Amino acid sequence: MTAQRLEAQNRALLLARLNESDVFDVPRALRDGDRLMLSFRCAEAGRPKTITYGYERAGGRWVEKTFDGLGWQWHHDRGPFGDVRGALKHD
């Protein structure tokens, strides 16, 4: 499987999983406009790489949003950390 195809599959899997009711390890009071940043460390060609995805709550669901790290940090409070269960596939 190509890296691009694997990434597209992971993006789709993450979005689907985020919109399931039992995704978070603790209950969350979610509102439209909330944002979520997911960061993953992985090894690529023997070197660590961080992949970051951004999501925003809209219409009671998570939608993928272009992640701008500095912009998000300047305009949003940092919330609690937690786990998303069953999130990614790998080779």
PDB file of N, CA and C in Angstrom:
ATOM      1  N   MET A   1       0.849  -1.173   0.000  1.00  0.00           N
ATOM      2  CA  MET A   1       0.000   0.000   0.000  1.00  0.00           C
ATOM      3  C   MET A   1       0.900   1.244   0.000  1.00  0.00           C
ATOM      4  N   THR A   2       0.575   2.212  -0.845  1.00  0.00           N
ATOM      5  CA  THR A   2       1.388   3.421  -0.920  1.00  0.00           C
ATOM      6  C   THR A   2       1.167   4.290   0.318  1.00  0.00           C
ATOM      7  N   ALA A   3       2.133   5.145   0.591  1.00  0.00           N
ATOM      8  CA  ALA A   3       2.030   6.038   1.748  1.00  0.00           C
ATOM      9  C   ALA A   3       0.828   6.971   1.617  1.00  0.00           C
ATOM     10  N   GLN A   4       0.562   7.472   0.420  1.00  0.00           N
ATOM     11  CA  GLN A   4      -0.579   8.374   0.215  1.00  0.00           C
ATOM     12  C   GLN A   4      -1.902   7.654   0.450  1.00  0.00           C
ATOM     13  N   ARG A   5      -1.986   6.439  -0.026  1.00  0.00           N
ATOM     14  CA  ARG A   5      -3.224   5.674   0.152  1.00  0.00           C
ATOM     15  C   ARG A   5      -3.430   5.341   1.633  1.00  0.00           C
ATOM     16  N   LEU A   6      -2.363   4.982   2.320  1.00  0.00           N
ATOM     17  CA  LEU A   6      -2.442   4.677   3.750  1.00  0.00           C
ATOM     18  C   LEU A   6      -2.862   5.916   4.531  1.00  0.00           C
ATOM     19  N   GLU A   7      -2.297   7.078   4.184  1.00  0.00           N
ATOM     20  CA  GLU A   7      -2.675   8.310   4.876  1.00  0.00           C
ATOM     21  C   GLU A   7      -4.142   8.647   4.628  1.00  0.00           C
ATOM     22  N   ALA A   8      -4.618   8.499   3.399  1.00  0.00           N
ATOM     23  CA  ALA A   8      -6.030   8.765   3.098  1.00  0.00           C
ATOM     24  C   ALA A   8      -6.934   7.813   3.870  1.00  0.00           C
ATOM     25  N   GLN A   9      -6.530   6.562   3.979  1.00  0.00           N
ATOM     26  CA  GLN A   9      -7.312   5.579   4.731  1.00  0.00           C
ATOM     27  C   GLN A   9      -7.336   5.949   6.212  1.00  0.00           C
ATOM     28  N   ASN A  10      -6.200   6.366   6.754  1.00  0.00           N
ATOM     29  CA  ASN A  10      -6.139   6.768   8.161  1.00  0.00           C
ATOM     30  C   ASN A  10      -6.980   8.011   8.424  1.00  0.00           C
ATOM     31  N   ARG A  11      -6.941   8.974   7.512  1.00  0.00           N
ATOM     32  CA  ARG A  11      -7.748  10.191   7.671  1.00  0.00           C
ATOM     33  C   ARG A  11      -9.238   9.845   7.738  1.00  0.00           C
ATOM     34  N   ALA A  12      -9.671   8.973   6.835  1.00  0.00           N
ATOM     35  CA  ALA A  12     -11.078   8.565   6.803  1.00  0.00           C
ATOM     36  C   ALA A  12     -11.441   7.785   8.072  1.00  0.00           C
ATOM     37  N   LEU A  13     -10.562   6.896   8.511  1.00  0.00           N
ATOM     38  CA  LEU A  13     -10.797   6.109   9.715  1.00  0.00           C
ATOM     39  C   LEU A  13     -10.868   7.009  10.946  1.00  0.00           C
ATOM     40  N   LEU A  14      -9.948   7.964  11.051  1.00  0.00           N
ATOM     41  CA  LEU A  14      -9.957   8.893  12.183  1.00  0.00           C
ATOM     42  C   LEU A  14     -11.254   9.692  12.240  1.00  0.00           C
ATOM     43  N   LEU A  15     -11.667  10.238  11.113  1.00  0.00           N
ATOM     44  CA  LEU A  15     -12.881  11.049  11.086  1.00  0.00           C
ATOM     45  C   LEU A  15     -14.107  10.214  11.461  1.00  0.00           C
ATOM     46  N   ALA A  16     -14.188   9.013  10.911  1.00  0.00           N
ATOM     47  CA  ALA A  16     -15.314   8.133  11.253  1.00  0.00           C
ATOM     48  C   ALA A  16     -15.304   7.793  12.738  1.00  0.00           C
ATOM     49  N   ARG A  17     -14.126   7.481  13.261  1.00  0.00           N
ATOM     50  CA  ARG A  17     -14.019   7.106  14.687  1.00  0.00           C
ATOM     51  C   ARG A  17     -14.349   8.280  15.586  1.00  0.00           C
ATOM     52  N   LEU A  18     -13.906   9.477  15.230  1.00  0.00           N
ATOM     53  CA  LEU A  18     -14.194  10.665  16.046  1.00  0.00           C
ATOM     54  C   LEU A  18     -15.685  10.918  16.187  1.00  0.00           C
ATOM     55  N   ASN A  19     -16.450  10.534  15.186  1.00  0.00           N
ATOM     56  CA  ASN A  19     -17.888  10.791  15.217  1.00  0.00           C
ATOM     57  C   ASN A  19     -18.697   9.645  15.825  1.00  0.00           C
ATOM     58  N   GLU A  20     -18.014   8.690  16.451  1.00  0.00           N
ATOM     59  CA  GLU A  20     -18.702   7.641  17.197  1.00  0.00           C
ATOM     60  C   GLU A  20     -18.834   8.076  18.651  1.00  0.00           C
ATOM     61  N   SER A  21     -19.890   7.651  19.311  1.00  0.00           N
ATOM     62  CA  SER A  21     -20.205   8.145  20.656  1.00  0.00           C
ATOM     63  C   SER A  21     -19.198   7.721  21.725  1.00  0.00           C
ATOM     64  N   ASP A  22     -18.476   6.629  21.527  1.00  0.00           N
ATOM     65  CA  ASP A  22     -17.566   6.133  22.565  1.00  0.00           C
ATOM     66  C   ASP A  22     -16.088   6.385  22.247  1.00  0.00           C
ATOM     67  N   VAL A  23     -15.801   7.389  21.441  1.00  0.00           N
ATOM     68  CA  VAL A  23     -14.435   7.591  20.967  1.00  0.00           C
ATOM     69  C   VAL A  23     -13.462   8.034  22.066  1.00  0.00           C
ATOM     70  N   PHE A  24     -13.879   8.900  22.965  1.00  0.00           N
ATOM     71  CA  PHE A  24     -12.957   9.435  23.962  1.00  0.00           C
ATOM     72  C   PHE A  24     -12.921   8.560  25.213  1.00  0.00           C
ATOM     73  N   ASP A  25     -11.774   8.581  25.887  1.00  0.00           N
ATOM     74  CA  ASP A  25     -11.597   7.760  27.078  1.00  0.00           C
ATOM     75  C   ASP A  25     -12.318   8.334  28.297  1.00  0.00           C
ATOM     76  N   VAL A  26     -12.716   9.586  28.241  1.00  0.00           N
ATOM     77  CA  VAL A  26     -13.509  10.223  29.308  1.00  0.00           C
ATOM     78  C   VAL A  26     -14.630  11.018  28.651  1.00  0.00           C
ATOM     79  N   PRO A  27     -15.747  11.208  29.345  1.00  0.00           N
ATOM     80  CA  PRO A  27     -16.850  11.976  28.750  1.00  0.00           C
ATOM     81  C   PRO A  27     -16.433  13.418  28.450  1.00  0.00           C
ATOM     82  N   ARG A  28     -16.894  13.938  27.349  1.00  0.00           N
ATOM     83  CA  ARG A  28     -16.590  15.316  26.940  1.00  0.00           C
ATOM     84  C   ARG A  28     -17.897  16.052  26.675  1.00  0.00           C
ATOM     85  N   ALA A  29     -17.976  17.305  27.090  1.00  0.00           N
ATOM     86  CA  ALA A  29     -19.119  18.164  26.754  1.00  0.00           C
ATOM     87  C   ALA A  29     -18.710  18.953  25.514  1.00  0.00           C
ATOM     88  N   LEU A  30     -19.084  18.465  24.353  1.00  0.00           N
ATOM     89  CA  LEU A  30     -18.641  19.048  23.086  1.00  0.00           C
ATOM     90  C   LEU A  30     -19.672  20.046  22.569  1.00  0.00           C
ATOM     91  N   ARG A  31     -19.153  21.131  21.963  1.00  0.00           N
ATOM     92  CA  ARG A  31     -20.009  22.160  21.368  1.00  0.00           C
ATOM     93  C   ARG A  31     -19.492  22.489  19.977  1.00  0.00           C
ATOM     94  N   ASP A  32     -20.394  22.966  19.122  1.00  0.00           N
ATOM     95  CA  ASP A  32     -19.960  23.434  17.808  1.00  0.00           C
ATOM     96  C   ASP A  32     -18.923  24.531  17.996  1.00  0.00           C
ATOM     97  N   GLY A  33     -17.893  24.510  17.174  1.00  0.00           N
ATOM     98  CA  GLY A  33     -16.799  25.472  17.278  1.00  0.00           C
ATOM     99  C   GLY A  33     -15.607  24.922  18.038  1.00  0.00           C
ATOM    100  N   ASP A  34     -15.792  23.833  18.817  1.00  0.00           N
ATOM    101  CA  ASP A  34     -14.659  23.202  19.492  1.00  0.00           C
ATOM    102  C   ASP A  34     -13.694  22.687  18.446  1.00  0.00           C
ATOM    103  N   ARG A  35     -12.422  22.736  18.779  1.00  0.00           N
ATOM    104  CA  ARG A  35     -11.396  22.214  17.877  1.00  0.00           C
ATOM    105  C   ARG A  35     -10.617  21.111  18.569  1.00  0.00           C
ATOM    106  N   LEU A  36     -10.112  20.209  17.747  1.00  0.00           N
ATOM    107  CA  LEU A  36      -9.365  19.068  18.244  1.00  0.00           C
ATOM    108  C   LEU A  36      -8.129  18.890  17.385  1.00  0.00           C
ATOM    109  N   MET A  37      -6.989  18.772  18.026  1.00  0.00           N
ATOM    110  CA  MET A  37      -5.735  18.519  17.343  1.00  0.00           C
ATOM    111  C   MET A  37      -5.263  17.124  17.732  1.00  0.00           C
ATOM    112  N   LEU A  38      -4.970  16.305  16.743  1.00  0.00           N
ATOM    113  CA  LEU A  38      -4.428  14.975  16.988  1.00  0.00           C
ATOM    114  C   LEU A  38      -3.028  14.913  16.402  1.00  0.00           C
ATOM    115  N   SER A  39      -2.054  14.525  17.219  1.00  0.00           N
ATOM    116  CA  SER A  39      -0.666  14.401  16.770  1.00  0.00           C
ATOM    117  C   SER A  39      -0.192  12.975  16.991  1.00  0.00           C
ATOM    118  N   PHE A  40       0.497  12.461  15.994  1.00  0.00           N
ATOM    119  CA  PHE A  40       1.017  11.103  16.046  1.00  0.00           C
ATOM    120  C   PHE A  40       2.497  11.139  15.693  1.00  0.00           C
ATOM    121  N   ARG A  41       3.279  10.399  16.448  1.00  0.00           N
ATOM    122  CA  ARG A  41       4.699  10.228  16.135  1.00  0.00           C
ATOM    123  C   ARG A  41       4.859   8.882  15.472  1.00  0.00           C
ATOM    124  N   CYS A  42       5.567   8.880  14.382  1.00  0.00           N
ATOM    125  CA  CYS A  42       5.815   7.620  13.689  1.00  0.00           C
ATOM    126  C   CYS A  42       7.229   7.644  13.119  1.00  0.00           C
ATOM    127  N   ALA A  43       7.719   6.470  12.786  1.00  0.00           N
ATOM    128  CA  ALA A  43       9.055   6.369  12.199  1.00  0.00           C
ATOM    129  C   ALA A  43       8.904   6.280  10.685  1.00  0.00           C
ATOM    130  N   GLU A  44       9.631   7.129  10.011  1.00  0.00           N
ATOM    131  CA  GLU A  44       9.641   7.092   8.554  1.00  0.00           C
ATOM    132  C   GLU A  44      11.099   7.061   8.114  1.00  0.00           C
ATOM    133  N   ALA A  45      11.469   5.997   7.439  1.00  0.00           N
ATOM    134  CA  ALA A  45      12.862   5.810   7.000  1.00  0.00           C
ATOM    135  C   ALA A  45      13.818   5.941   8.182  1.00  0.00           C
ATOM    136  N   GLY A  46      13.407   5.384   9.338  1.00  0.00           N
ATOM    137  CA  GLY A  46      14.272   5.390  10.513  1.00  0.00           C
ATOM    138  C   GLY A  46      14.313   6.699  11.275  1.00  0.00           C
ATOM    139  N   ARG A  47      13.568   7.708  10.817  1.00  0.00           N
ATOM    140  CA  ARG A  47      13.554   8.998  11.510  1.00  0.00           C
ATOM    141  C   ARG A  47      12.156   9.272  12.057  1.00  0.00           C
ATOM    142  N   PRO A  48      12.064   9.801  13.279  1.00  0.00           N
ATOM    143  CA  PRO A  48      10.749  10.131  13.814  1.00  0.00           C
ATOM    144  C   PRO A  48      10.100  11.257  13.012  1.00  0.00           C
ATOM    145  N   LYS A  49       8.809  11.158  12.831  1.00  0.00           N
ATOM    146  CA  LYS A  49       8.052  12.167  12.116  1.00  0.00           C
ATOM    147  C   LYS A  49       6.759  12.382  12.895  1.00  0.00           C
ATOM    148  N   THR A  50       6.308  13.620  12.984  1.00  0.00           N
ATOM    149  CA  THR A  50       5.046  13.920  13.639  1.00  0.00           C
ATOM    150  C   THR A  50       4.022  14.287  12.578  1.00  0.00           C
ATOM    151  N   ILE A  51       2.864  13.633  12.646  1.00  0.00           N
ATOM    152  CA  ILE A  51       1.747  13.921  11.749  1.00  0.00           C
ATOM    153  C   ILE A  51       0.648  14.534  12.603  1.00  0.00           C
ATOM    154  N   THR A  52       0.125  15.663  12.174  1.00  0.00           N
ATOM    155  CA  THR A  52      -0.900  16.367  12.952  1.00  0.00           C
ATOM    156  C   THR A  52      -2.136  16.589  12.094  1.00  0.00           C
ATOM    157  N   TYR A  53      -3.287  16.296  12.677  1.00  0.00           N
ATOM    158  CA  TYR A  53      -4.577  16.489  12.020  1.00  0.00           C
ATOM    159  C   TYR A  53      -5.400  17.461  12.856  1.00  0.00           C
ATOM    160  N   GLY A  54      -6.218  18.260  12.195  1.00  0.00           N
ATOM    161  CA  GLY A  54      -7.093  19.191  12.888  1.00  0.00           C
ATOM    162  C   GLY A  54      -8.553  18.926  12.553  1.00  0.00           C
ATOM    163  N   TYR A  55      -9.404  19.115  13.558  1.00  0.00           N
ATOM    164  CA  TYR A  55     -10.843  18.902  13.395  1.00  0.00           C
ATOM    165  C   TYR A  55     -11.592  20.015  14.116  1.00  0.00           C
ATOM    166  N   GLU A  56     -12.769  20.318  13.618  1.00  0.00           N
ATOM    167  CA  GLU A  56     -13.627  21.304  14.273  1.00  0.00           C
ATOM    168  C   GLU A  56     -15.032  20.728  14.373  1.00  0.00           C
ATOM    169  N   ARG A  57     -15.701  21.040  15.450  1.00  0.00           N
ATOM    170  CA  ARG A  57     -17.065  20.572  15.681  1.00  0.00           C
ATOM    171  C   ARG A  57     -18.031  21.482  14.922  1.00  0.00           C
ATOM    172  N   ALA A  58     -18.879  20.910  14.098  1.00  0.00           N
ATOM    173  CA  ALA A  58     -19.864  21.670  13.316  1.00  0.00           C
ATOM    174  C   ALA A  58     -21.089  20.798  13.099  1.00  0.00           C
ATOM    175  N   GLY A  59     -22.248  21.312  13.427  1.00  0.00           N
ATOM    176  CA  GLY A  59     -23.478  20.546  13.248  1.00  0.00           C
ATOM    177  C   GLY A  59     -23.522  19.281  14.083  1.00  0.00           C
ATOM    178  N   GLY A  60     -22.857  19.319  15.244  1.00  0.00           N
ATOM    179  CA  GLY A  60     -22.850  18.158  16.134  1.00  0.00           C
ATOM    180  C   GLY A  60     -21.926  17.042  15.708  1.00  0.00           C
ATOM    181  N   ARG A  61     -21.042  17.308  14.726  1.00  0.00           N
ATOM    182  CA  ARG A  61     -20.099  16.297  14.234  1.00  0.00           C
ATOM    183  C   ARG A  61     -18.717  16.932  14.081  1.00  0.00           C
ATOM    184  N   TRP A  62     -17.694  16.100  14.078  1.00  0.00           N
ATOM    185  CA  TRP A  62     -16.344  16.567  13.782  1.00  0.00           C
ATOM    186  C   TRP A  62     -16.161  16.616  12.271  1.00  0.00           C
ATOM    187  N   VAL A  63     -15.532  17.692  11.788  1.00  0.00           N
ATOM    188  CA  VAL A  63     -15.153  17.808  10.383  1.00  0.00           C
ATOM    189  C   VAL A  63     -13.666  18.146  10.339  1.00  0.00           C
ATOM    190  N   GLU A  64     -13.000  17.646   9.309  1.00  0.00           N
ATOM    191  CA  GLU A  64     -11.568  17.913   9.193  1.00  0.00           C
ATOM    192  C   GLU A  64     -11.357  19.383   8.866  1.00  0.00           C
ATOM    193  N   LYS A  65     -10.355  19.984   9.490  1.00  0.00           N
ATOM    194  CA  LYS A  65     -10.053  21.400   9.320  1.00  0.00           C
ATOM    195  C   LYS A  65      -8.541  21.526   9.131  1.00  0.00           C
ATOM    196  N   THR A  66      -8.134  22.367   8.215  1.00  0.00           N
ATOM    197  CA  THR A  66      -6.706  22.583   8.018  1.00  0.00           C
ATOM    198  C   THR A  66      -6.085  23.032   9.332  1.00  0.00           C
ATOM    199  N   PHE A  67      -5.044  22.348   9.734  1.00  0.00           N
ATOM    200  CA  PHE A  67      -4.407  22.633  11.015  1.00  0.00           C
ATOM    201  C   PHE A  67      -3.305  23.656  10.835  1.00  0.00           C
ATOM    202  N   ASP A  68      -3.423  24.750  11.551  1.00  0.00           N
ATOM    203  CA  ASP A  68      -2.399  25.793  11.606  1.00  0.00           C
ATOM    204  C   ASP A  68      -1.988  25.916  13.070  1.00  0.00           C
ATOM    205  N   GLY A  69      -0.887  25.269  13.421  1.00  0.00           N
ATOM    206  CA  GLY A  69      -0.463  25.181  14.822  1.00  0.00           C
ATOM    207  C   GLY A  69      -0.400  26.502  15.552  1.00  0.00           C
ATOM    208  N   LEU A  70       0.281  27.480  14.988  1.00  0.00           N
ATOM    209  CA  LEU A  70       0.406  28.773  15.663  1.00  0.00           C
ATOM    210  C   LEU A  70      -0.938  29.483  15.775  1.00  0.00           C
ATOM    211  N   GLY A  71      -1.696  29.495  14.712  1.00  0.00           N
ATOM    212  CA  GLY A  71      -3.004  30.141  14.745  1.00  0.00           C
ATOM    213  C   GLY A  71      -3.920  29.511  15.774  1.00  0.00           C
ATOM    214  N   TRP A  72      -3.904  28.195  15.850  1.00  0.00           N
ATOM    215  CA  TRP A  72      -4.761  27.510  16.822  1.00  0.00           C
ATOM    216  C   TRP A  72      -4.310  27.812  18.242  1.00  0.00           C
ATOM    217  N   GLN A  73      -3.022  27.867  18.493  1.00  0.00           N
ATOM    218  CA  GLN A  73      -2.529  28.146  19.845  1.00  0.00           C
ATOM    219  C   GLN A  73      -2.813  29.583  20.262  1.00  0.00           C
ATOM    220  N   TRP A  74      -2.733  30.522  19.354  1.00  0.00           N
ATOM    221  CA  TRP A  74      -2.960  31.920  19.692  1.00  0.00           C
ATOM    222  C   TRP A  74      -4.422  32.222  19.986  1.00  0.00           C
ATOM    223  N   HIS A  75      -5.342  31.501  19.355  1.00  0.00           N
ATOM    224  CA  HIS A  75      -6.761  31.845  19.448  1.00  0.00           C
ATOM    225  C   HIS A  75      -7.610  30.847  20.223  1.00  0.00           C
ATOM    226  N   HIS A  76      -7.007  29.861  20.841  1.00  0.00           N
ATOM    227  CA  HIS A  76      -7.789  28.852  21.547  1.00  0.00           C
ATOM    228  C   HIS A  76      -7.097  28.430  22.827  1.00  0.00           C
ATOM    229  N   ASP A  77      -7.906  28.073  23.799  1.00  0.00           N
ATOM    230  CA  ASP A  77      -7.374  27.539  25.044  1.00  0.00           C
ATOM    231  C   ASP A  77      -7.004  26.078  24.851  1.00  0.00           C
ATOM    232  N   ARG A  78      -6.021  25.663  25.575  1.00  0.00           N
ATOM    233  CA  ARG A  78      -5.622  24.264  25.527  1.00  0.00           C
ATOM    234  C   ARG A  78      -6.475  23.503  26.535  1.00  0.00           C
ATOM    235  N   GLY A  79      -7.096  22.426  26.074  1.00  0.00           N
ATOM    236  CA  GLY A  79      -7.969  21.624  26.929  1.00  0.00           C
ATOM    237  C   GLY A  79      -7.268  20.385  27.425  1.00  0.00           C
ATOM    238  N   PRO A  80      -8.037  19.500  28.021  1.00  0.00           N
ATOM    239  CA  PRO A  80      -7.459  18.269  28.558  1.00  0.00           C
ATOM    240  C   PRO A  80      -6.961  17.341  27.465  1.00  0.00           C
ATOM    241  N   PHE A  81      -6.039  16.478  27.845  1.00  0.00           N
ATOM    242  CA  PHE A  81      -5.498  15.481  26.939  1.00  0.00           C
ATOM    243  C   PHE A  81      -6.218  14.169  27.163  1.00  0.00           C
ATOM    244  N   GLY A  82      -6.187  13.301  26.178  1.00  0.00           N
ATOM    245  CA  GLY A  82      -6.801  11.984  26.328  1.00  0.00           C
ATOM    246  C   GLY A  82      -6.443  11.099  25.153  1.00  0.00           C
ATOM    247  N   ASP A  83      -7.067   9.957  25.105  1.00  0.00           N
ATOM    248  CA  ASP A  83      -6.808   8.968  24.071  1.00  0.00           C
ATOM    249  C   ASP A  83      -8.002   8.823  23.147  1.00  0.00           C
ATOM    250  N   VAL A  84      -7.721   8.532  21.892  1.00  0.00           N
ATOM    251  CA  VAL A  84      -8.738   8.120  20.922  1.00  0.00           C
ATOM    252  C   VAL A  84      -8.455   6.650  20.665  1.00  0.00           C
ATOM    253  N   ARG A  85      -9.394   5.801  20.987  1.00  0.00           N
ATOM    254  CA  ARG A  85      -9.164   4.357  20.875  1.00  0.00           C
ATOM    255  C   ARG A  85      -9.383   3.852  19.456  1.00  0.00           C
ATOM    256  N   GLY A  86      -8.560   2.894  19.034  1.00  0.00           N
ATOM    257  CA  GLY A  86      -8.732   2.253  17.723  1.00  0.00           C
ATOM    258  C   GLY A  86      -8.623   3.201  16.571  1.00  0.00           C
ATOM    259  N   ALA A  87      -7.597   4.062  16.560  1.00  0.00           N
ATOM    260  CA  ALA A  87      -7.574   5.170  15.621  1.00  0.00           C
ATOM    261  C   ALA A  87      -6.837   4.925  14.314  1.00  0.00           C
ATOM    262  N   LEU A  88      -5.683   4.285  14.327  1.00  0.00           N
ATOM    263  CA  LEU A  88      -4.870   4.224  13.114  1.00  0.00           C
ATOM    264  C   LEU A  88      -4.529   2.801  12.686  1.00  0.00           C
ATOM    265  N   LYS A  89      -4.265   2.684  11.390  1.00  0.00           N
ATOM    266  CA  LYS A  89      -3.736   1.439  10.816  1.00  0.00           C
ATOM    267  C   LYS A  89      -2.295   1.698  10.397  1.00  0.00           C
ATOM    268  N   HIS A  90      -1.504   0.670  10.369  1.00  0.00           N
ATOM    269  CA  HIS A  90      -0.129   0.816   9.891  1.00  0.00           C
ATOM    270  C   HIS A  90       0.261  -0.444   9.149  1.00  0.00           C
ATOM    271  N   ASP A  91       1.353  -0.338   8.369  1.00  0.00           N
ATOM    272  CA  ASP A  91       1.838  -1.506   7.613  1.00  0.00           C
ATOM    273  C   ASP A  91       2.438  -2.530   8.547  1.00  0.00           C
TER     274      ASP A  91
END
